[in-house]
Amino acid sequence: MNASETLAVDAFLGLLVPLWQVVIGLLLLVTMVVSARKLLLRGPSRMGGALLLVGSAVVGLAVVSYLIQTL
């Protein structure tokens, strides 16, 4: 492979990377919408527990990432 072929392959892969990020983002969005719909159909008692669980997960992730950055 010469230098121009290598550059062409790198450019092509550079174009594909954002496409995969969009696909992953769309799949995450669909998953979130479906799970939120199911949670809303189950009622307010399940919503409170789910919000508490998600909130604590977010706070925990923030604390862990802060601790890793300071080390």
PDB file of N, CA and C in Angstrom:
ATOM      1  N   MET A   1       0.835  -1.170   0.000  1.00  0.00           N
ATOM      2  CA  MET A   1       0.000   0.000   0.000  1.00  0.00           C
ATOM      3  C   MET A   1       0.882   1.237   0.000  1.00  0.00           C
ATOM      4  N   ASN A   2       0.638   2.133  -0.927  1.00  0.00           N
ATOM      5  CA  ASN A   2       1.433   3.357  -0.930  1.00  0.00           C
ATOM      6  C   ASN A   2       0.745   4.424  -0.079  1.00  0.00           C
ATOM      7  N   ALA A   3       1.376   5.575   0.001  1.00  0.00           N
ATOM      8  CA  ALA A   3       0.904   6.628   0.900  1.00  0.00           C
ATOM      9  C   ALA A   3      -0.474   7.155   0.509  1.00  0.00           C
ATOM     10  N   SER A   4      -0.749   7.272  -0.797  1.00  0.00           N
ATOM     11  CA  SER A   4      -2.055   7.800  -1.208  1.00  0.00           C
ATOM     12  C   SER A   4      -3.182   6.812  -0.892  1.00  0.00           C
ATOM     13  N   GLU A   5      -2.906   5.506  -1.012  1.00  0.00           N
ATOM     14  CA  GLU A   5      -3.927   4.513  -0.651  1.00  0.00           C
ATOM     15  C   GLU A   5      -4.198   4.539   0.849  1.00  0.00           C
ATOM     16  N   THR A   6      -3.159   4.723   1.641  1.00  0.00           N
ATOM     17  CA  THR A   6      -3.321   4.794   3.085  1.00  0.00           C
ATOM     18  C   THR A   6      -4.153   6.012   3.469  1.00  0.00           C
ATOM     19  N   LEU A   7      -3.886   7.150   2.831  1.00  0.00           N
ATOM     20  CA  LEU A   7      -4.667   8.358   3.108  1.00  0.00           C
ATOM     21  C   LEU A   7      -6.118   8.172   2.708  1.00  0.00           C
ATOM     22  N   ALA A   8      -6.360   7.495   1.587  1.00  0.00           N
ATOM     23  CA  ALA A   8      -7.733   7.264   1.143  1.00  0.00           C
ATOM     24  C   ALA A   8      -8.484   6.374   2.128  1.00  0.00           C
ATOM     25  N   VAL A   9      -7.821   5.346   2.635  1.00  0.00           N
ATOM     26  CA  VAL A   9      -8.458   4.453   3.609  1.00  0.00           C
ATOM     27  C   VAL A   9      -8.739   5.210   4.897  1.00  0.00           C
ATOM     28  N   ASP A  10      -7.791   6.017   5.363  1.00  0.00           N
ATOM     29  CA  ASP A  10      -7.994   6.796   6.578  1.00  0.00           C
ATOM     30  C   ASP A  10      -9.138   7.790   6.415  1.00  0.00           C
ATOM     31  N   ALA A  11      -9.232   8.423   5.251  1.00  0.00           N
ATOM     32  CA  ALA A  11     -10.316   9.373   5.012  1.00  0.00           C
ATOM     33  C   ALA A  11     -11.664   8.657   4.990  1.00  0.00           C
ATOM     34  N   PHE A  12     -11.710   7.483   4.372  1.00  0.00           N
ATOM     35  CA  PHE A  12     -12.956   6.720   4.309  1.00  0.00           C
ATOM     36  C   PHE A  12     -13.399   6.287   5.710  1.00  0.00           C
ATOM     37  N   LEU A  13     -12.467   5.805   6.520  1.00  0.00           N
ATOM     38  CA  LEU A  13     -12.807   5.422   7.892  1.00  0.00           C
ATOM     39  C   LEU A  13     -13.204   6.635   8.723  1.00  0.00           C
ATOM     40  N   GLY A  14     -12.594   7.775   8.433  1.00  0.00           N
ATOM     41  CA  GLY A  14     -12.967   9.007   9.120  1.00  0.00           C
ATOM     42  C   GLY A  14     -14.400   9.418   8.817  1.00  0.00           C
ATOM     43  N   LEU A  15     -14.879   9.101   7.617  1.00  0.00           N
ATOM     44  CA  LEU A  15     -16.267   9.384   7.278  1.00  0.00           C
ATOM     45  C   LEU A  15     -17.225   8.389   7.933  1.00  0.00           C
ATOM     46  N   LEU A  16     -16.787   7.157   8.133  1.00  0.00           N
ATOM     47  CA  LEU A  16     -17.652   6.142   8.715  1.00  0.00           C
ATOM     48  C   LEU A  16     -17.825   6.287  10.220  1.00  0.00           C
ATOM     49  N   VAL A  17     -16.847   6.814  10.906  1.00  0.00           N
ATOM     50  CA  VAL A  17     -16.908   6.916  12.361  1.00  0.00           C
ATOM     51  C   VAL A  17     -18.104   7.757  12.811  1.00  0.00           C
ATOM     52  N   PRO A  18     -18.347   8.949  12.242  1.00  0.00           N
ATOM     53  CA  PRO A  18     -19.540   9.691  12.669  1.00  0.00           C
ATOM     54  C   PRO A  18     -20.838   8.951  12.340  1.00  0.00           C
ATOM     55  N   LEU A  19     -20.851   8.172  11.263  1.00  0.00           N
ATOM     56  CA  LEU A  19     -22.046   7.416  10.910  1.00  0.00           C
ATOM     57  C   LEU A  19     -22.367   6.391  11.993  1.00  0.00           C
ATOM     58  N   TRP A  20     -21.361   5.695  12.500  1.00  0.00           N
ATOM     59  CA  TRP A  20     -21.589   4.720  13.560  1.00  0.00           C
ATOM     60  C   TRP A  20     -22.037   5.404  14.840  1.00  0.00           C
ATOM     61  N   GLN A  21     -21.520   6.599  15.102  1.00  0.00           N
ATOM     62  CA  GLN A  21     -21.950   7.328  16.291  1.00  0.00           C
ATOM     63  C   GLN A  21     -23.422   7.727  16.179  1.00  0.00           C
ATOM     64  N   VAL A  22     -23.861   8.094  14.995  1.00  0.00           N
ATOM     65  CA  VAL A  22     -25.260   8.435  14.782  1.00  0.00           C
ATOM     66  C   VAL A  22     -26.143   7.202  14.961  1.00  0.00           C
ATOM     67  N   VAL A  23     -25.709   6.069  14.425  1.00  0.00           N
ATOM     68  CA  VAL A  23     -26.484   4.825  14.564  1.00  0.00           C
ATOM     69  C   VAL A  23     -26.608   4.435  16.036  1.00  0.00           C
ATOM     70  N   ILE A  24     -25.517   4.497  16.766  1.00  0.00           N
ATOM     71  CA  ILE A  24     -25.548   4.164  18.194  1.00  0.00           C
ATOM     72  C   ILE A  24     -26.447   5.143  18.945  1.00  0.00           C
ATOM     73  N   GLY A  25     -26.359   6.417  18.627  1.00  0.00           N
ATOM     74  CA  GLY A  25     -27.215   7.418  19.260  1.00  0.00           C
ATOM     75  C   GLY A  25     -28.688   7.177  18.988  1.00  0.00           C
ATOM     76  N   LEU A  26     -29.025   6.821  17.745  1.00  0.00           N
ATOM     77  CA  LEU A  26     -30.425   6.536  17.416  1.00  0.00           C
ATOM     78  C   LEU A  26     -30.941   5.307  18.155  1.00  0.00           C
ATOM     79  N   LEU A  27     -30.112   4.271  18.241  1.00  0.00           N
ATOM     80  CA  LEU A  27     -30.525   3.081  18.974  1.00  0.00           C
ATOM     81  C   LEU A  27     -30.733   3.393  20.463  1.00  0.00           C
ATOM     82  N   LEU A  28     -29.870   4.215  21.025  1.00  0.00           N
ATOM     83  CA  LEU A  28     -30.045   4.621  22.421  1.00  0.00           C
ATOM     84  C   LEU A  28     -31.327   5.424  22.605  1.00  0.00           C
ATOM     85  N   LEU A  29     -31.616   6.312  21.668  1.00  0.00           N
ATOM     86  CA  LEU A  29     -32.824   7.121  21.745  1.00  0.00           C
ATOM     87  C   LEU A  29     -34.078   6.252  21.679  1.00  0.00           C
ATOM     88  N   VAL A  30     -34.089   5.283  20.776  1.00  0.00           N
ATOM     89  CA  VAL A  30     -35.236   4.375  20.666  1.00  0.00           C
ATOM     90  C   VAL A  30     -35.408   3.573  21.953  1.00  0.00           C
ATOM     91  N   THR A  31     -34.305   3.094  22.509  1.00  0.00           N
ATOM     92  CA  THR A  31     -34.366   2.330  23.752  1.00  0.00           C
ATOM     93  C   THR A  31     -34.913   3.188  24.889  1.00  0.00           C
ATOM     94  N   MET A  32     -34.460   4.427  24.978  1.00  0.00           N
ATOM     95  CA  MET A  32     -34.933   5.311  26.038  1.00  0.00           C
ATOM     96  C   MET A  32     -36.424   5.606  25.896  1.00  0.00           C
ATOM     97  N   VAL A  33     -36.891   5.833  24.675  1.00  0.00           N
ATOM     98  CA  VAL A  33     -38.307   6.136  24.456  1.00  0.00           C
ATOM     99  C   VAL A  33     -39.170   4.930  24.819  1.00  0.00           C
ATOM    100  N   VAL A  34     -38.765   3.747  24.396  1.00  0.00           N
ATOM    101  CA  VAL A  34     -39.543   2.535  24.702  1.00  0.00           C
ATOM    102  C   VAL A  34     -39.572   2.281  26.207  1.00  0.00           C
ATOM    103  N   SER A  35     -38.430   2.408  26.869  1.00  0.00           N
ATOM    104  CA  SER A  35     -38.398   2.150  28.308  1.00  0.00           C
ATOM    105  C   SER A  35     -39.169   3.218  29.082  1.00  0.00           C
ATOM    106  N   ALA A  36     -39.107   4.483  28.639  1.00  0.00           N
ATOM    107  CA  ALA A  36     -39.862   5.544  29.316  1.00  0.00           C
ATOM    108  C   ALA A  36     -41.361   5.315  29.143  1.00  0.00           C
ATOM    109  N   ARG A  37     -41.775   4.863  27.981  1.00  0.00           N
ATOM    110  CA  ARG A  37     -43.198   4.580  27.740  1.00  0.00           C
ATOM    111  C   ARG A  37     -43.689   3.458  28.649  1.00  0.00           C
ATOM    112  N   LYS A  38     -42.893   2.386  28.755  1.00  0.00           N
ATOM    113  CA  LYS A  38     -43.278   1.279  29.632  1.00  0.00           C
ATOM    114  C   LYS A  38     -43.341   1.732  31.086  1.00  0.00           C
ATOM    115  N   LEU A  39     -42.397   2.576  31.475  1.00  0.00           N
ATOM    116  CA  LEU A  39     -42.371   3.056  32.850  1.00  0.00           C
ATOM    117  C   LEU A  39     -43.566   3.951  33.140  1.00  0.00           C
ATOM    118  N   LEU A  40     -43.946   4.794  32.183  1.00  0.00           N
ATOM    119  CA  LEU A  40     -45.105   5.657  32.373  1.00  0.00           C
ATOM    120  C   LEU A  40     -46.397   4.851  32.460  1.00  0.00           C
ATOM    121  N   LEU A  41     -46.477   3.766  31.720  1.00  0.00           N
ATOM    122  CA  LEU A  41     -47.675   2.937  31.767  1.00  0.00           C
ATOM    123  C   LEU A  41     -47.810   2.182  33.089  1.00  0.00           C
ATOM    124  N   ARG A  42     -46.720   1.960  33.783  1.00  0.00           N
ATOM    125  CA  ARG A  42     -46.771   1.215  35.051  1.00  0.00           C
ATOM    126  C   ARG A  42     -47.270   2.070  36.201  1.00  0.00           C
ATOM    127  N   GLY A  43     -47.165   3.372  36.093  1.00  0.00           N
ATOM    128  CA  GLY A  43     -47.738   4.230  37.118  1.00  0.00           C
ATOM    129  C   GLY A  43     -46.709   5.009  37.916  1.00  0.00           C
ATOM    130  N   PRO A  44     -47.228   5.928  38.759  1.00  0.00           N
ATOM    131  CA  PRO A  44     -46.335   6.837  39.499  1.00  0.00           C
ATOM    132  C   PRO A  44     -45.498   6.161  40.572  1.00  0.00           C
ATOM    133  N   SER A  45     -45.955   5.059  41.134  1.00  0.00           N
ATOM    134  CA  SER A  45     -45.161   4.420  42.193  1.00  0.00           C
ATOM    135  C   SER A  45     -43.847   3.884  41.628  1.00  0.00           C
ATOM    136  N   ARG A  46     -43.879   3.358  40.418  1.00  0.00           N
ATOM    137  CA  ARG A  46     -42.648   2.868  39.788  1.00  0.00           C
ATOM    138  C   ARG A  46     -41.778   4.026  39.319  1.00  0.00           C
ATOM    139  N   MET A  47     -42.404   5.134  38.954  1.00  0.00           N
ATOM    140  CA  MET A  47     -41.642   6.290  38.470  1.00  0.00           C
ATOM    141  C   MET A  47     -40.739   6.848  39.565  1.00  0.00           C
ATOM    142  N   GLY A  48     -41.249   6.934  40.787  1.00  0.00           N
ATOM    143  CA  GLY A  48     -40.438   7.474  41.882  1.00  0.00           C
ATOM    144  C   GLY A  48     -39.206   6.631  42.143  1.00  0.00           C
ATOM    145  N   GLY A  49     -39.386   5.323  42.164  1.00  0.00           N
ATOM    146  CA  GLY A  49     -38.245   4.429  42.379  1.00  0.00           C
ATOM    147  C   GLY A  49     -37.247   4.494  41.243  1.00  0.00           C
ATOM    148  N   ALA A  50     -37.754   4.578  40.017  1.00  0.00           N
ATOM    149  CA  ALA A  50     -36.859   4.648  38.866  1.00  0.00           C
ATOM    150  C   ALA A  50     -36.069   5.953  38.862  1.00  0.00           C
ATOM    151  N   LEU A  51     -36.731   7.062  39.187  1.00  0.00           N
ATOM    152  CA  LEU A  51     -36.020   8.345  39.228  1.00  0.00           C
ATOM    153  C   LEU A  51     -34.967   8.358  40.322  1.00  0.00           C
ATOM    154  N   LEU A  52     -35.286   7.757  41.451  1.00  0.00           N
ATOM    155  CA  LEU A  52     -34.303   7.672  42.533  1.00  0.00           C
ATOM    156  C   LEU A  52     -33.104   6.835  42.114  1.00  0.00           C
ATOM    157  N   LEU A  53     -33.357   5.731  41.452  1.00  0.00           N
ATOM    158  CA  LEU A  53     -32.278   4.858  40.987  1.00  0.00           C
ATOM    159  C   LEU A  53     -31.409   5.558  39.944  1.00  0.00           C
ATOM    160  N   VAL A  54     -32.028   6.202  38.969  1.00  0.00           N
ATOM    161  CA  VAL A  54     -31.276   6.890  37.915  1.00  0.00           C
ATOM    162  C   VAL A  54     -30.498   8.071  38.491  1.00  0.00           C
ATOM    163  N   GLY A  55     -31.128   8.815  39.396  1.00  0.00           N
ATOM    164  CA  GLY A  55     -30.445   9.953  40.016  1.00  0.00           C
ATOM    165  C   GLY A  55     -29.219   9.535  40.800  1.00  0.00           C
ATOM    166  N   SER A  56     -29.349   8.452  41.546  1.00  0.00           N
ATOM    167  CA  SER A  56     -28.194   7.983  42.313  1.00  0.00           C
ATOM    168  C   SER A  56     -27.099   7.442  41.394  1.00  0.00           C
ATOM    169  N   ALA A  57     -27.494   6.830  40.273  1.00  0.00           N
ATOM    170  CA  ALA A  57     -26.489   6.353  39.316  1.00  0.00           C
ATOM    171  C   ALA A  57     -25.729   7.520  38.694  1.00  0.00           C
ATOM    172  N   VAL A  58     -26.425   8.601  38.384  1.00  0.00           N
ATOM    173  CA  VAL A  58     -25.775   9.781  37.795  1.00  0.00           C
ATOM    174  C   VAL A  58     -24.815  10.408  38.799  1.00  0.00           C
ATOM    175  N   VAL A  59     -25.262  10.558  40.034  1.00  0.00           N
ATOM    176  CA  VAL A  59     -24.395  11.145  41.064  1.00  0.00           C
ATOM    177  C   VAL A  59     -23.177  10.249  41.304  1.00  0.00           C
ATOM    178  N   GLY A  60     -23.394   8.945  41.355  1.00  0.00           N
ATOM    179  CA  GLY A  60     -22.274   8.020  41.541  1.00  0.00           C
ATOM    180  C   GLY A  60     -21.278   8.079  40.412  1.00  0.00           C
ATOM    181  N   LEU A  61     -21.765   8.147  39.189  1.00  0.00           N
ATOM    182  CA  LEU A  61     -20.879   8.252  38.032  1.00  0.00           C
ATOM    183  C   LEU A  61     -20.094   9.562  38.052  1.00  0.00           C
ATOM    184  N   ALA A  62     -20.749  10.650  38.453  1.00  0.00           N
ATOM    185  CA  ALA A  62     -20.055  11.940  38.543  1.00  0.00           C
ATOM    186  C   ALA A  62     -18.954  11.893  39.599  1.00  0.00           C
ATOM    187  N   VAL A  63     -19.226  11.272  40.738  1.00  0.00           N
ATOM    188  CA  VAL A  63     -18.229  11.182  41.809  1.00  0.00           C
ATOM    189  C   VAL A  63     -17.045  10.326  41.372  1.00  0.00           C
ATOM    190  N   VAL A  64     -17.330   9.193  40.731  1.00  0.00           N
ATOM    191  CA  VAL A  64     -16.251   8.314  40.276  1.00  0.00           C
ATOM    192  C   VAL A  64     -15.402   9.013  39.226  1.00  0.00           C
ATOM    193  N   SER A  65     -16.026   9.698  38.259  1.00  0.00           N
ATOM    194  CA  SER A  65     -15.239  10.386  37.230  1.00  0.00           C
ATOM    195  C   SER A  65     -14.426  11.529  37.826  1.00  0.00           C
ATOM    196  N   TYR A  66     -14.962  12.223  38.834  1.00  0.00           N
ATOM    197  CA  TYR A  66     -14.206  13.288  39.494  1.00  0.00           C
ATOM    198  C   TYR A  66     -12.994  12.707  40.215  1.00  0.00           C
ATOM    199  N   LEU A  67     -13.194  11.591  40.911  1.00  0.00           N
ATOM    200  CA  LEU A  67     -12.083  10.977  41.637  1.00  0.00           C
ATOM    201  C   LEU A  67     -10.999  10.477  40.668  1.00  0.00           C
ATOM    202  N   ILE A  68     -11.403   9.938  39.540  1.00  0.00           N
ATOM    203  CA  ILE A  68     -10.416   9.456  38.560  1.00  0.00           C
ATOM    204  C   ILE A  68      -9.635  10.615  37.962  1.00  0.00           C
ATOM    205  N   GLN A  69     -10.303  11.745  37.715  1.00  0.00           N
ATOM    206  CA  GLN A  69      -9.609  12.911  37.142  1.00  0.00           C
ATOM    207  C   GLN A  69      -8.610  13.515  38.105  1.00  0.00           C
ATOM    208  N   THR A  70      -8.908  13.478  39.404  1.00  0.00           N
ATOM    209  CA  THR A  70      -8.010  14.108  40.367  1.00  0.00           C
ATOM    210  C   THR A  70      -6.790  13.252  40.688  1.00  0.00           C
ATOM    211  N   LEU A  71      -6.826  11.975  40.326  1.00  0.00           N
ATOM    212  CA  LEU A  71      -5.674  11.115  40.625  1.00  0.00           C
ATOM    213  C   LEU A  71      -4.564  11.306  39.678  1.00  0.00           C
TER     214      LEU A  71
END
